[in-house]
């Protein structure tokens, strides 16, 4: 299955662009492939940065039960 591609324009730090061009050449890939990979990695990283609801619920329950202990540990 072929994914639809969209064009966009942006600006980037010139040192980063040089490094990306070198990496693309070294790996035998196109810059667009590296940009695609980098953006997908960023989205995944940001998605994981948000705690899951069940984790937050467990934290809240733990904090409610052990708040005095946590306060002592913070001192």
Protein backbone atom coordinates (compact mmCIF):
# COMPACT_ATOMS: atom_id res chain seq x y z
CA UNK A 1 0.00 0.00 0.00
CA UNK A 2 1.44 3.37 -1.06
CA UNK A 3 1.21 6.25 1.38
CA UNK A 4 0.19 9.64 0.05
CA UNK A 5 2.92 12.24 0.33
CA UNK A 6 2.44 15.98 0.82
CA UNK A 7 4.90 18.77 0.09
CA UNK A 8 5.70 21.42 2.66
CA UNK A 9 8.37 24.06 3.11
CA UNK A 10 10.19 25.05 6.27
CA UNK A 11 13.48 26.42 7.50
CA UNK A 12 16.12 24.56 9.47
CA UNK A 13 19.37 25.34 11.23
CA UNK A 14 22.07 25.23 8.53
CA UNK A 15 24.38 23.04 10.64
CA UNK A 16 21.62 20.48 11.12
CA UNK A 17 20.88 20.49 7.41
CA UNK A 18 24.54 19.84 6.58
CA UNK A 19 24.60 16.96 9.07
CA UNK A 20 21.38 15.51 7.60
CA UNK A 21 22.76 15.75 4.06
CA UNK A 22 25.92 13.94 5.13
CA UNK A 23 23.90 11.26 6.91
CA UNK A 24 21.60 10.79 3.91
CA UNK A 25 24.60 10.39 1.61
CA UNK A 26 26.32 8.01 4.01
CA UNK A 27 23.19 5.84 4.33
CA UNK A 28 22.29 6.07 0.65
CA UNK A 29 18.90 7.55 1.46
CA UNK A 30 17.01 10.66 0.45
CA UNK A 31 16.69 13.58 2.85
CA UNK A 32 12.91 13.22 2.73
CA UNK A 33 13.23 9.69 4.13
CA UNK A 34 15.28 10.97 7.07
CA UNK A 35 12.83 13.83 7.70
CA UNK A 36 9.93 11.38 7.55
CA UNK A 37 11.65 9.08 10.06
CA UNK A 38 12.58 11.96 12.37
CA UNK A 39 9.07 13.37 12.42
CA UNK A 40 7.53 9.94 13.06
CA UNK A 41 10.00 9.41 15.93
CA UNK A 42 9.13 12.83 17.40
CA UNK A 43 5.41 12.11 17.28
CA UNK A 44 5.89 8.73 18.95
CA UNK A 45 8.13 10.25 21.61
CA UNK A 46 5.59 12.97 22.39
CA UNK A 47 2.76 10.46 22.44
CA UNK A 48 4.61 8.38 25.03
CA UNK A 49 5.41 11.49 27.10
CA UNK A 50 1.77 11.66 28.19
CA UNK A 51 1.15 9.25 31.04
CA UNK A 52 -1.55 6.68 30.49
CA UNK A 53 -4.75 7.24 32.50
CA UNK A 54 -4.31 4.03 34.51
CA UNK A 55 -0.78 5.10 35.49
CA UNK A 56 -2.03 8.49 36.65
CA UNK A 57 -4.85 6.84 38.62
CA UNK A 58 -2.35 4.54 40.36
CA UNK A 59 -0.13 7.53 41.12
CA UNK A 60 -3.05 9.49 42.57
CA UNK A 61 -4.09 6.56 44.74
CA UNK A 62 -0.53 6.06 45.91
CA UNK A 63 -0.10 9.75 46.66
CA UNK A 64 -3.33 9.81 48.62
CA UNK A 65 -2.22 6.86 50.71
CA UNK A 66 1.46 7.76 51.16
CA UNK A 67 1.48 11.57 51.02
CA UNK A 68 3.18 11.94 54.45
CA UNK A 69 5.93 9.53 53.41
CA UNK A 70 6.50 11.39 50.14
CA UNK A 71 6.64 14.68 52.03
CA UNK A 72 9.29 13.29 54.40
CA UNK A 73 11.33 11.91 51.50
CA UNK A 74 11.26 15.31 49.81
CA UNK A 75 12.79 17.02 52.84
